[in-house]
């Protein structure tokens, strides 16, 4: 349990609130915690995806497959269509 002076003050202040005020505050806090978790998860997912892409980029089998795909479609790139 965290016992910082700030949290101890909040705890004392909470005791002065009515039940309705406590319920309202609890609902507000629940919403804020859920929002922060979602944001945290988004950053974690982005970090994970970047790590996965970096691993894929250094994978020799994937590099060989990309070369094969580029070779396969290289012929169609010479069909007279200009790059946009």
N, C-alpha and C. Protein backbone atom coordinates (compact mmCIF):
# COMPACT_ATOMS: atom_id res chain seq x y z
N UNK A 1 0.85 -1.19 0.00
CA UNK A 1 0.00 0.00 0.00
C UNK A 1 0.88 1.23 0.00
N UNK A 2 0.54 2.18 -0.82
CA UNK A 2 1.29 3.42 -0.90
C UNK A 2 0.78 4.39 0.17
N UNK A 3 1.70 4.94 0.92
CA UNK A 3 1.31 5.85 2.00
C UNK A 3 1.99 7.21 1.83
N UNK A 4 1.94 7.75 0.64
CA UNK A 4 2.51 9.07 0.44
C UNK A 4 1.65 10.11 1.17
N UNK A 5 2.24 11.23 1.54
CA UNK A 5 1.46 12.27 2.22
C UNK A 5 0.25 12.72 1.40
N UNK A 6 0.42 12.75 0.09
CA UNK A 6 -0.68 13.17 -0.79
C UNK A 6 -1.85 12.19 -0.69
N UNK A 7 -1.53 10.89 -0.73
CA UNK A 7 -2.59 9.88 -0.65
C UNK A 7 -3.25 9.86 0.73
N UNK A 8 -2.47 10.08 1.76
CA UNK A 8 -3.05 10.14 3.10
C UNK A 8 -4.04 11.30 3.24
N UNK A 9 -3.71 12.43 2.61
CA UNK A 9 -4.63 13.58 2.62
C UNK A 9 -5.92 13.24 1.88
N UNK A 10 -5.77 12.61 0.74
CA UNK A 10 -6.96 12.21 -0.03
C UNK A 10 -7.82 11.26 0.80
N UNK A 11 -7.19 10.32 1.47
CA UNK A 11 -7.95 9.38 2.30
C UNK A 11 -8.73 10.12 3.39
N UNK A 12 -8.10 11.09 4.03
CA UNK A 12 -8.80 11.87 5.05
C UNK A 12 -9.96 12.66 4.44
N UNK A 13 -9.73 13.24 3.26
CA UNK A 13 -10.78 14.02 2.60
C UNK A 13 -11.95 13.15 2.17
N UNK A 14 -11.67 11.92 1.79
CA UNK A 14 -12.73 11.00 1.38
C UNK A 14 -13.71 10.73 2.51
N UNK A 15 -13.22 10.70 3.72
CA UNK A 15 -14.08 10.44 4.86
C UNK A 15 -15.15 11.51 5.05
N UNK A 16 -14.89 12.70 4.50
CA UNK A 16 -15.85 13.80 4.65
C UNK A 16 -16.94 13.76 3.57
N UNK A 17 -16.78 12.91 2.57
CA UNK A 17 -17.75 12.85 1.47
C UNK A 17 -18.96 12.01 1.84
N UNK A 18 -20.08 12.36 1.23
CA UNK A 18 -21.29 11.55 1.41
C UNK A 18 -21.17 10.27 0.59
N UNK A 19 -22.06 9.35 0.83
CA UNK A 19 -22.08 8.10 0.08
C UNK A 19 -22.28 8.37 -1.41
N UNK A 20 -23.18 9.28 -1.76
CA UNK A 20 -23.42 9.62 -3.17
C UNK A 20 -22.17 10.19 -3.81
N UNK A 21 -21.47 11.06 -3.08
CA UNK A 21 -20.24 11.65 -3.61
C UNK A 21 -19.16 10.58 -3.79
N UNK A 22 -19.07 9.65 -2.85
CA UNK A 22 -18.10 8.57 -2.97
C UNK A 22 -18.41 7.67 -4.17
N UNK A 23 -19.67 7.37 -4.37
CA UNK A 23 -20.06 6.54 -5.52
C UNK A 23 -19.75 7.25 -6.83
N UNK A 24 -20.03 8.55 -6.89
CA UNK A 24 -19.73 9.33 -8.09
C UNK A 24 -18.21 9.32 -8.35
N UNK A 25 -17.43 9.53 -7.31
CA UNK A 25 -15.97 9.56 -7.43
C UNK A 25 -15.44 8.20 -7.85
N UNK A 26 -15.99 7.15 -7.29
CA UNK A 26 -15.56 5.80 -7.64
C UNK A 26 -15.83 5.51 -9.11
N UNK A 27 -16.99 5.92 -9.60
CA UNK A 27 -17.32 5.72 -11.01
C UNK A 27 -16.35 6.50 -11.90
N UNK A 28 -16.08 7.74 -11.53
CA UNK A 28 -15.14 8.56 -12.29
C UNK A 28 -13.74 7.93 -12.31
N UNK A 29 -13.30 7.46 -11.17
CA UNK A 29 -11.98 6.83 -11.08
C UNK A 29 -11.92 5.55 -11.91
N UNK A 30 -12.99 4.78 -11.90
CA UNK A 30 -13.04 3.54 -12.69
C UNK A 30 -12.91 3.85 -14.17
N UNK A 31 -13.61 4.86 -14.63
CA UNK A 31 -13.54 5.26 -16.03
C UNK A 31 -12.13 5.71 -16.39
N UNK A 32 -11.51 6.51 -15.54
CA UNK A 32 -10.16 7.00 -15.82
C UNK A 32 -9.14 5.86 -15.83
N UNK A 33 -9.28 4.91 -14.93
CA UNK A 33 -8.37 3.76 -14.90
C UNK A 33 -8.52 2.96 -16.19
N UNK A 34 -9.75 2.71 -16.63
CA UNK A 34 -9.98 1.96 -17.86
C UNK A 34 -9.38 2.69 -19.06
N UNK A 35 -9.55 4.01 -19.13
CA UNK A 35 -9.00 4.79 -20.23
C UNK A 35 -7.47 4.71 -20.24
N UNK A 36 -6.86 4.82 -19.08
CA UNK A 36 -5.40 4.74 -19.01
C UNK A 36 -4.89 3.36 -19.39
N UNK A 37 -5.62 2.32 -19.01
CA UNK A 37 -5.23 0.96 -19.39
C UNK A 37 -5.30 0.79 -20.90
N UNK A 38 -6.35 1.34 -21.52
CA UNK A 38 -6.48 1.24 -22.97
C UNK A 38 -5.33 1.95 -23.67
N UNK A 39 -4.98 3.12 -23.19
CA UNK A 39 -3.87 3.87 -23.77
C UNK A 39 -2.57 3.09 -23.59
N UNK A 40 -2.37 2.55 -22.40
CA UNK A 40 -1.18 1.76 -22.12
C UNK A 40 -1.11 0.54 -23.04
N UNK A 41 -2.24 -0.12 -23.23
CA UNK A 41 -2.28 -1.29 -24.11
C UNK A 41 -1.96 -0.92 -25.55
N UNK A 42 -2.43 0.24 -25.99
CA UNK A 42 -2.13 0.67 -27.36
C UNK A 42 -0.63 0.87 -27.54
N UNK A 43 0.03 1.51 -26.57
CA UNK A 43 1.46 1.72 -26.67
C UNK A 43 2.20 0.39 -26.60
N UNK A 44 1.74 -0.52 -25.77
CA UNK A 44 2.37 -1.84 -25.67
C UNK A 44 2.22 -2.57 -26.98
N UNK A 45 1.03 -2.51 -27.59
CA UNK A 45 0.79 -3.19 -28.86
C UNK A 45 1.66 -2.60 -29.97
N UNK A 46 1.81 -1.28 -30.01
CA UNK A 46 2.65 -0.65 -31.02
C UNK A 46 4.10 -1.09 -30.84
N UNK A 47 4.56 -1.10 -29.61
CA UNK A 47 5.93 -1.54 -29.33
C UNK A 47 6.11 -3.00 -29.76
N UNK A 48 5.15 -3.85 -29.44
CA UNK A 48 5.22 -5.27 -29.81
C UNK A 48 5.26 -5.42 -31.33
N UNK A 49 4.40 -4.67 -32.03
CA UNK A 49 4.36 -4.76 -33.49
C UNK A 49 5.69 -4.33 -34.09
N UNK A 50 6.28 -3.26 -33.57
CA UNK A 50 7.57 -2.79 -34.07
C UNK A 50 8.65 -3.85 -33.85
N UNK A 51 8.62 -4.49 -32.70
CA UNK A 51 9.58 -5.56 -32.42
C UNK A 51 9.40 -6.72 -33.39
N UNK A 52 8.15 -7.08 -33.65
CA UNK A 52 7.87 -8.18 -34.57
C UNK A 52 8.31 -7.84 -35.99
N UNK A 53 8.06 -6.61 -36.42
CA UNK A 53 8.48 -6.18 -37.76
C UNK A 53 10.00 -6.18 -37.88
N UNK A 54 10.69 -5.74 -36.84
CA UNK A 54 12.15 -5.74 -36.85
C UNK A 54 12.68 -7.18 -36.95
N UNK A 55 12.05 -8.11 -36.22
CA UNK A 55 12.46 -9.52 -36.30
C UNK A 55 12.22 -10.06 -37.70
N UNK A 56 11.07 -9.72 -38.28
CA UNK A 56 10.75 -10.20 -39.62
C UNK A 56 11.74 -9.64 -40.64
N UNK A 57 12.10 -8.38 -40.49
CA UNK A 57 13.01 -7.74 -41.43
C UNK A 57 14.39 -8.39 -41.41
N UNK A 58 14.77 -8.94 -40.28
CA UNK A 58 16.10 -9.56 -40.18
C UNK A 58 16.06 -11.07 -40.44
N UNK A 59 14.88 -11.63 -40.66
CA UNK A 59 14.73 -13.06 -40.92
C UNK A 59 15.13 -13.37 -42.36
N UNK A 60 16.12 -14.24 -42.55
CA UNK A 60 16.64 -14.55 -43.89
C UNK A 60 15.59 -15.23 -44.77
N UNK A 61 14.74 -16.07 -44.19
CA UNK A 61 13.70 -16.72 -44.99
C UNK A 61 12.69 -15.71 -45.51
N UNK A 62 12.34 -14.75 -44.68
CA UNK A 62 11.40 -13.71 -45.12
C UNK A 62 12.05 -12.83 -46.18
N UNK A 63 13.31 -12.51 -46.00
CA UNK A 63 14.02 -11.71 -47.00
C UNK A 63 14.05 -12.43 -48.34
N UNK A 64 14.29 -13.74 -48.31
CA UNK A 64 14.31 -14.52 -49.55
C UNK A 64 12.93 -14.54 -50.20
N UNK A 65 11.89 -14.65 -49.41
CA UNK A 65 10.52 -14.65 -49.95
C UNK A 65 10.20 -13.30 -50.59
N UNK A 66 10.63 -12.23 -49.97
CA UNK A 66 10.39 -10.89 -50.53
C UNK A 66 11.11 -10.75 -51.87
N UNK A 67 12.35 -11.25 -51.96
CA UNK A 67 13.09 -11.21 -53.22
C UNK A 67 12.34 -12.01 -54.28
N UNK A 68 11.83 -13.19 -53.90
CA UNK A 68 11.09 -14.03 -54.83
C UNK A 68 9.83 -13.32 -55.33
N UNK A 69 9.10 -12.69 -54.43
CA UNK A 69 7.89 -11.96 -54.81
C UNK A 69 8.23 -10.80 -55.73
N UNK A 70 9.27 -10.06 -55.39
CA UNK A 70 9.69 -8.93 -56.24
C UNK A 70 10.08 -9.41 -57.62
N UNK A 71 10.78 -10.54 -57.71
CA UNK A 71 11.15 -11.09 -59.01
C UNK A 71 9.92 -11.52 -59.80
N UNK A 72 8.98 -12.13 -59.12
CA UNK A 72 7.76 -12.60 -59.79
C UNK A 72 6.96 -11.45 -60.37
N UNK A 73 6.88 -10.35 -59.65
CA UNK A 73 6.09 -9.22 -60.10
C UNK A 73 6.92 -8.19 -60.87
N UNK A 74 8.22 -8.41 -60.95
CA UNK A 74 9.08 -7.47 -61.68
C UNK A 74 8.70 -7.37 -63.14
N UNK A 75 8.28 -8.48 -63.74
CA UNK A 75 7.89 -8.50 -65.15
C UNK A 75 6.67 -7.58 -65.36
N UNK A 76 5.71 -7.65 -64.45
CA UNK A 76 4.51 -6.83 -64.62
C UNK A 76 4.80 -5.35 -64.40
N UNK A 77 5.89 -5.04 -63.71
CA UNK A 77 6.24 -3.64 -63.52
C UNK A 77 6.76 -3.02 -64.80
N UNK A 78 7.17 -3.89 -65.74
CA UNK A 78 7.69 -3.37 -67.02
C UNK A 78 6.62 -3.37 -68.10
N UNK A 79 5.36 -3.40 -67.73
CA UNK A 79 4.29 -3.50 -68.72
C UNK A 79 3.88 -2.15 -69.30
N UNK A 80 4.66 -1.14 -69.05
CA UNK A 80 4.39 0.15 -69.64
C UNK A 80 3.67 1.13 -68.73
N UNK A 81 3.26 0.68 -67.60
CA UNK A 81 2.60 1.60 -66.67
C UNK A 81 3.64 2.44 -65.95
N UNK A 82 3.38 3.71 -65.88
CA UNK A 82 4.32 4.59 -65.19
C UNK A 82 3.94 4.65 -63.72
N UNK A 83 4.96 4.91 -62.92
CA UNK A 83 4.69 5.06 -61.50
C UNK A 83 3.90 6.33 -61.28
N UNK A 84 2.98 6.29 -60.35
CA UNK A 84 2.14 7.45 -60.05
C UNK A 84 2.86 8.42 -59.17
